[in-house]
Amino acid sequence: MRPLLTKPALLVAIAFLAVGSVVQASIRHHHRHHLGKDRPHARFDIAGRVTAPFMPGMTQPVDVTLANHIQHVLWIGNLKLAVAVDAAHTAAGCSASRDFVVAQLPRATYPIRLPARSPYSDAWPARLRWPGGRRWRLRELGVPVLPSISMVNLPNIDQDGCKGAKLHLHFWADSRLNPPHVKAR
């Protein structure tokens, strides 16, 4: 009598089951900025995405980009990221606070210098750019680490409600026109 599955077929079946448990990291972004005493403004824009899918126990970096909308250098501080799960998967038992952990940027990262908006492209001869903005990745701005999101592996809890979940990223940050003063030690 022949076995039902050969060794290569068994490996393919196991790989298929592992891929089936992946959380789809289709990230949408939301941003909110503050000026002074909680007055919103549109000096800059924050966007972010995760480029790889999640599985329990995995950590993925968040590719954050910033765009300056004014013609002055901005100093970005206190960039925060929060995660929310779409309503259908929340109803199925997936919880942003239980199943996912966010690692924020370290305090030593700040301030982040965001170059002024320029109406010209970097190409020579300089060409006009419309609407005149450029997106900067955190690494391009000298930030050595990225924020990250981890899907916690909870072996005693059924996390099947997170299969195919859509994560929504929410961003907050402060901006200043002048560089912050560094205190002497």
C-alpha atoms as a PDB file:
ATOM      1  CA  MET A   1       0.000   0.000   0.000  1.00  0.00           C
ATOM      2  CA  ARG A   2       1.376   3.456  -0.988  1.00  0.00           C
ATOM      3  CA  PRO A   3       1.379   6.397   1.446  1.00  0.00           C
ATOM      4  CA  LEU A   4      -1.242   9.090   0.756  1.00  0.00           C
ATOM      5  CA  LEU A   5       1.314  11.923   0.502  1.00  0.00           C
ATOM      6  CA  THR A   6       4.907  11.782  -0.594  1.00  0.00           C
ATOM      7  CA  LYS A   7       7.495  13.810   1.309  1.00  0.00           C
ATOM      8  CA  PRO A   8       7.608  16.707  -1.279  1.00  0.00           C
ATOM      9  CA  ALA A   9       3.800  16.824  -1.411  1.00  0.00           C
ATOM     10  CA  LEU A  10       3.645  16.932   2.377  1.00  0.00           C
ATOM     11  CA  LEU A  11       6.088  19.890   2.472  1.00  0.00           C
ATOM     12  CA  VAL A  12       3.999  21.773  -0.108  1.00  0.00           C
ATOM     13  CA  ALA A  13       0.837  21.148   1.947  1.00  0.00           C
ATOM     14  CA  ILE A  14       2.519  22.460   5.123  1.00  0.00           C
ATOM     15  CA  ALA A  15       3.770  25.572   3.273  1.00  0.00           C
ATOM     16  CA  PHE A  16       0.248  26.207   1.943  1.00  0.00           C
ATOM     17  CA  LEU A  17      -1.220  26.009   5.455  1.00  0.00           C
ATOM     18  CA  ALA A  18       1.430  28.433   6.796  1.00  0.00           C
ATOM     19  CA  VAL A  19       0.693  30.968   4.049  1.00  0.00           C
ATOM     20  CA  GLY A  20      -3.037  30.648   4.724  1.00  0.00           C
ATOM     21  CA  SER A  21      -2.587  32.017   8.251  1.00  0.00           C
ATOM     22  CA  VAL A  22      -0.961  35.268   7.145  1.00  0.00           C
ATOM     23  CA  VAL A  23      -2.519  38.602   8.124  1.00  0.00           C
ATOM     24  CA  GLN A  24      -2.803  40.822   5.112  1.00  0.00           C
ATOM     25  CA  ALA A  25      -1.028  44.054   5.958  1.00  0.00           C
ATOM     26  CA  SER A  26      -2.944  46.338   3.683  1.00  0.00           C
ATOM     27  CA  ILE A  27      -2.130  49.535   5.495  1.00  0.00           C
ATOM     28  CA  ARG A  28      -4.041  52.737   5.183  1.00  0.00           C
ATOM     29  CA  HIS A  29      -2.661  55.853   6.745  1.00  0.00           C
ATOM     30  CA  HIS A  30      -4.130  58.662   8.717  1.00  0.00           C
ATOM     31  CA  HIS A  31      -2.299  61.661  10.022  1.00  0.00           C
ATOM     32  CA  ARG A  32      -2.866  64.463  12.451  1.00  0.00           C
ATOM     33  CA  HIS A  33      -0.453  67.228  13.334  1.00  0.00           C
ATOM     34  CA  HIS A  34      -0.407  69.741  16.144  1.00  0.00           C
ATOM     35  CA  LEU A  35       0.708  73.334  16.340  1.00  0.00           C
ATOM     36  CA  GLY A  36       0.820  74.964  19.726  1.00  0.00           C
ATOM     37  CA  LYS A  37      -2.250  74.082  21.774  1.00  0.00           C
ATOM     38  CA  ASP A  38      -3.840  71.309  19.670  1.00  0.00           C
ATOM     39  CA  ARG A  39      -4.539  73.491  16.634  1.00  0.00           C
ATOM     40  CA  PRO A  40      -4.365  71.292  13.523  1.00  0.00           C
ATOM     41  CA  HIS A  41      -2.369  72.506  10.514  1.00  0.00           C
ATOM     42  CA  ALA A  42      -1.159  71.189   7.187  1.00  0.00           C
ATOM     43  CA  ARG A  43       2.584  71.935   7.385  1.00  0.00           C
ATOM     44  CA  PHE A  44       3.544  68.346   6.684  1.00  0.00           C
ATOM     45  CA  ASP A  45       2.105  64.964   5.846  1.00  0.00           C
ATOM     46  CA  ILE A  46       2.868  61.534   7.316  1.00  0.00           C
ATOM     47  CA  ALA A  47       2.266  58.240   5.543  1.00  0.00           C
ATOM     48  CA  GLY A  48       3.378  54.721   6.286  1.00  0.00           C
ATOM     49  CA  ARG A  49       3.045  51.155   5.189  1.00  0.00           C
ATOM     50  CA  VAL A  50       4.199  47.667   5.990  1.00  0.00           C
ATOM     51  CA  THR A  51       5.464  45.870   2.922  1.00  0.00           C
ATOM     52  CA  ALA A  52       5.394  42.279   4.211  1.00  0.00           C
ATOM     53  CA  PRO A  53       2.531  40.219   5.662  1.00  0.00           C
ATOM     54  CA  PHE A  54       2.204  39.356   9.347  1.00  0.00           C
ATOM     55  CA  MET A  55       2.138  35.984  11.040  1.00  0.00           C
ATOM     56  CA  PRO A  56       2.105  35.353  14.789  1.00  0.00           C
ATOM     57  CA  GLY A  57       5.549  36.014  16.243  1.00  0.00           C
ATOM     58  CA  MET A  58       6.724  38.226  13.349  1.00  0.00           C
ATOM     59  CA  THR A  59       7.868  41.858  13.468  1.00  0.00           C
ATOM     60  CA  GLN A  60       7.726  44.143  10.436  1.00  0.00           C
ATOM     61  CA  PRO A  61       9.220  47.649  10.078  1.00  0.00           C
ATOM     62  CA  VAL A  62       6.897  50.496   9.101  1.00  0.00           C
ATOM     63  CA  ASP A  63       8.125  52.417   6.064  1.00  0.00           C
ATOM     64  CA  VAL A  64       7.267  55.966   7.195  1.00  0.00           C
ATOM     65  CA  THR A  65       7.487  58.938   4.829  1.00  0.00           C
ATOM     66  CA  LEU A  66       7.187  62.652   5.591  1.00  0.00           C
ATOM     67  CA  ALA A  67       6.360  65.461   3.162  1.00  0.00           C
ATOM     68  CA  ASN A  68       6.905  69.139   3.968  1.00  0.00           C
ATOM     69  CA  HIS A  69       4.248  71.483   2.526  1.00  0.00           C
ATOM     70  CA  ILE A  70       5.969  74.773   3.342  1.00  0.00           C
ATOM     71  CA  GLN A  71       9.171  76.404   2.098  1.00  0.00           C
ATOM     72  CA  HIS A  72      10.896  76.292   5.513  1.00  0.00           C
ATOM     73  CA  VAL A  73      12.740  73.477   7.240  1.00  0.00           C
ATOM     74  CA  LEU A  74      10.598  71.739   9.851  1.00  0.00           C
ATOM     75  CA  TRP A  75      11.820  69.979  12.982  1.00  0.00           C
ATOM     76  CA  ILE A  76       9.651  66.923  13.655  1.00  0.00           C
ATOM     77  CA  GLY A  77       9.286  65.528  17.145  1.00  0.00           C
ATOM     78  CA  ASN A  78       7.225  63.011  19.051  1.00  0.00           C
ATOM     79  CA  LEU A  79       6.176  60.909  16.038  1.00  0.00           C
ATOM     80  CA  LYS A  80       3.699  58.293  17.274  1.00  0.00           C
ATOM     81  CA  LEU A  81       2.081  55.352  15.532  1.00  0.00           C
ATOM     82  CA  ALA A  82      -1.046  53.433  16.515  1.00  0.00           C
ATOM     83  CA  VAL A  83      -2.667  50.387  14.893  1.00  0.00           C
ATOM     84  CA  ALA A  84      -6.359  49.595  14.428  1.00  0.00           C
ATOM     85  CA  VAL A  85      -7.948  46.470  12.926  1.00  0.00           C
ATOM     86  CA  ASP A  86     -10.809  46.670  10.402  1.00  0.00           C
ATOM     87  CA  ALA A  87     -14.323  46.218  11.812  1.00  0.00           C
ATOM     88  CA  ALA A  88     -15.023  42.799  10.267  1.00  0.00           C
ATOM     89  CA  HIS A  89     -11.912  41.226  11.799  1.00  0.00           C
ATOM     90  CA  THR A  90     -12.468  42.994  15.120  1.00  0.00           C
ATOM     91  CA  ALA A  91     -15.908  41.333  15.213  1.00  0.00           C
ATOM     92  CA  ALA A  92     -14.201  38.003  14.419  1.00  0.00           C
ATOM     93  CA  GLY A  93     -12.023  38.334  17.542  1.00  0.00           C
ATOM     94  CA  CYS A  94      -8.891  40.100  16.277  1.00  0.00           C
ATOM     95  CA  SER A  95      -7.748  42.797  18.701  1.00  0.00           C
ATOM     96  CA  ALA A  96      -5.253  45.558  17.908  1.00  0.00           C
ATOM     97  CA  SER A  97      -4.304  45.871  21.583  1.00  0.00           C
ATOM     98  CA  ARG A  98      -3.976  42.118  22.238  1.00  0.00           C
ATOM     99  CA  ASP A  99      -2.617  40.796  18.932  1.00  0.00           C
ATOM    100  CA  PHE A 100      -0.302  43.633  17.849  1.00  0.00           C
ATOM    101  CA  VAL A 101       2.474  45.615  19.561  1.00  0.00           C
ATOM    102  CA  VAL A 102       3.955  48.854  18.214  1.00  0.00           C
ATOM    103  CA  ALA A 103       7.594  49.806  18.854  1.00  0.00           C
ATOM    104  CA  GLN A 104       7.873  53.611  18.586  1.00  0.00           C
ATOM    105  CA  LEU A 105      10.959  55.568  17.567  1.00  0.00           C
ATOM    106  CA  PRO A 106      13.473  55.982  20.403  1.00  0.00           C
ATOM    107  CA  ARG A 107      13.558  59.361  22.136  1.00  0.00           C
ATOM    108  CA  ALA A 108      17.161  59.945  20.979  1.00  0.00           C
ATOM    109  CA  THR A 109      15.902  60.031  17.367  1.00  0.00           C
ATOM    110  CA  TYR A 110      14.397  63.492  17.771  1.00  0.00           C
ATOM    111  CA  PRO A 111      14.338  66.063  16.392  1.00  0.00           C
ATOM    112  CA  ILE A 112      14.066  64.925  12.780  1.00  0.00           C
ATOM    113  CA  ARG A 113      15.048  67.602  10.256  1.00  0.00           C
ATOM    114  CA  LEU A 114      12.517  67.687   7.401  1.00  0.00           C
ATOM    115  CA  PRO A 115      13.860  69.725   4.437  1.00  0.00           C
ATOM    116  CA  ALA A 116      11.817  72.611   3.058  1.00  0.00           C
ATOM    117  CA  ARG A 117       9.481  72.075   0.125  1.00  0.00           C
ATOM    118  CA  SER A 118      11.087  72.868  -3.179  1.00  0.00           C
ATOM    119  CA  PRO A 119       9.225  73.504  -6.446  1.00  0.00           C
ATOM    120  CA  TYR A 120      12.142  71.951  -8.389  1.00  0.00           C
ATOM    121  CA  SER A 121      13.145  68.357  -8.973  1.00  0.00           C
ATOM    122  CA  ASP A 122      16.632  67.041  -8.216  1.00  0.00           C
ATOM    123  CA  ALA A 123      17.285  66.364 -11.918  1.00  0.00           C
ATOM    124  CA  TRP A 124      19.477  68.616 -14.052  1.00  0.00           C
ATOM    125  CA  PRO A 125      18.333  70.784 -15.707  1.00  0.00           C
ATOM    126  CA  ALA A 126      15.970  71.527 -12.856  1.00  0.00           C
ATOM    127  CA  ARG A 127      12.356  70.880 -13.768  1.00  0.00           C
ATOM    128  CA  LEU A 128       9.327  72.211 -11.980  1.00  0.00           C
ATOM    129  CA  ARG A 129       7.518  69.747  -9.785  1.00  0.00           C
ATOM    130  CA  TRP A 130       3.775  69.945  -9.196  1.00  0.00           C
ATOM    131  CA  PRO A 131       2.459  70.373  -6.531  1.00  0.00           C
ATOM    132  CA  GLY A 132       6.038  70.934  -5.398  1.00  0.00           C
ATOM    133  CA  GLY A 133       6.458  68.354  -2.656  1.00  0.00           C
ATOM    134  CA  ARG A 134       8.720  65.413  -2.064  1.00  0.00           C
ATOM    135  CA  ARG A 135       8.259  62.480   0.261  1.00  0.00           C
ATOM    136  CA  TRP A 136      11.225  61.632   2.468  1.00  0.00           C
ATOM    137  CA  ARG A 137      11.710  58.206   4.021  1.00  0.00           C
ATOM    138  CA  LEU A 138      12.926  58.261   7.622  1.00  0.00           C
ATOM    139  CA  ARG A 139      16.218  56.611   6.620  1.00  0.00           C
ATOM    140  CA  GLU A 140      16.822  59.401   4.066  1.00  0.00           C
ATOM    141  CA  LEU A 141      16.426  61.878   6.929  1.00  0.00           C
ATOM    142  CA  GLY A 142      19.131  60.155   8.990  1.00  0.00           C
ATOM    143  CA  VAL A 143      16.848  58.139  11.279  1.00  0.00           C
ATOM    144  CA  PRO A 144      18.779  54.923  12.053  1.00  0.00           C
ATOM    145  CA  VAL A 145      15.786  52.797  13.154  1.00  0.00           C
ATOM    146  CA  LEU A 146      12.187  52.516  11.999  1.00  0.00           C
ATOM    147  CA  PRO A 147       9.059  52.048  14.070  1.00  0.00           C
ATOM    148  CA  SER A 148       7.787  48.493  13.865  1.00  0.00           C
ATOM    149  CA  ILE A 149       4.688  46.399  14.422  1.00  0.00           C
ATOM    150  CA  SER A 150       4.770  42.892  15.865  1.00  0.00           C
ATOM    151  CA  MET A 151       2.021  40.323  15.756  1.00  0.00           C
ATOM    152  CA  VAL A 152       2.175  38.627  19.137  1.00  0.00           C
ATOM    153  CA  ASN A 153       2.195  34.828  19.159  1.00  0.00           C
ATOM    154  CA  LEU A 154      -0.425  33.793  21.720  1.00  0.00           C
ATOM    155  CA  PRO A 155      -0.282  29.970  21.778  1.00  0.00           C
ATOM    156  CA  ASN A 156      -3.231  29.551  24.182  1.00  0.00           C
ATOM    157  CA  ILE A 157      -5.505  31.991  22.297  1.00  0.00           C
ATOM    158  CA  ASP A 158      -7.153  31.373  18.928  1.00  0.00           C
ATOM    159  CA  GLN A 159      -5.870  34.124  16.606  1.00  0.00           C
ATOM    160  CA  ASP A 160      -7.692  32.879  13.518  1.00  0.00           C
ATOM    161  CA  GLY A 161      -9.872  36.023  13.665  1.00  0.00           C
ATOM    162  CA  CYS A 162      -6.824  37.973  12.428  1.00  0.00           C
ATOM    163  CA  LYS A 163      -6.478  35.997   9.173  1.00  0.00           C
ATOM    164  CA  GLY A 164      -6.782  38.458   6.306  1.00  0.00           C
ATOM    165  CA  ALA A 165      -7.197  41.465   8.638  1.00  0.00           C
ATOM    166  CA  LYS A 166      -6.607  44.945   7.266  1.00  0.00           C
ATOM    167  CA  LEU A 167      -4.559  47.128   9.593  1.00  0.00           C
ATOM    168  CA  HIS A 168      -5.054  50.884   9.719  1.00  0.00           C
ATOM    169  CA  LEU A 169      -2.126  53.035  10.800  1.00  0.00           C
ATOM    170  CA  HIS A 170      -2.679  56.303  12.649  1.00  0.00           C
ATOM    171  CA  PHE A 171       0.134  58.861  12.976  1.00  0.00           C
ATOM    172  CA  TRP A 172       0.702  61.867  15.221  1.00  0.00           C
ATOM    173  CA  ALA A 173       3.679  64.232  15.344  1.00  0.00           C
ATOM    174  CA  ASP A 174       4.739  67.702  16.423  1.00  0.00           C
ATOM    175  CA  SER A 175       6.580  70.189  14.225  1.00  0.00           C
ATOM    176  CA  ARG A 176       8.585  73.357  14.843  1.00  0.00           C
ATOM    177  CA  LEU A 177      10.027  75.981  12.522  1.00  0.00           C
ATOM    178  CA  ASN A 178      13.098  76.563  14.692  1.00  0.00           C
ATOM    179  CA  PRO A 179      15.481  73.857  15.834  1.00  0.00           C
ATOM    180  CA  PRO A 180      15.009  72.950  19.478  1.00  0.00           C
ATOM    181  CA  HIS A 181      17.635  74.191  21.890  1.00  0.00           C
ATOM    182  CA  VAL A 182      19.939  71.503  23.180  1.00  0.00           C
ATOM    183  CA  LYS A 183      20.736  71.830  26.876  1.00  0.00           C
ATOM    184  CA  ALA A 184      24.404  71.630  27.857  1.00  0.00           C
ATOM    185  CA  ARG A 185      25.251  68.834  30.280  1.00  0.00           C
END
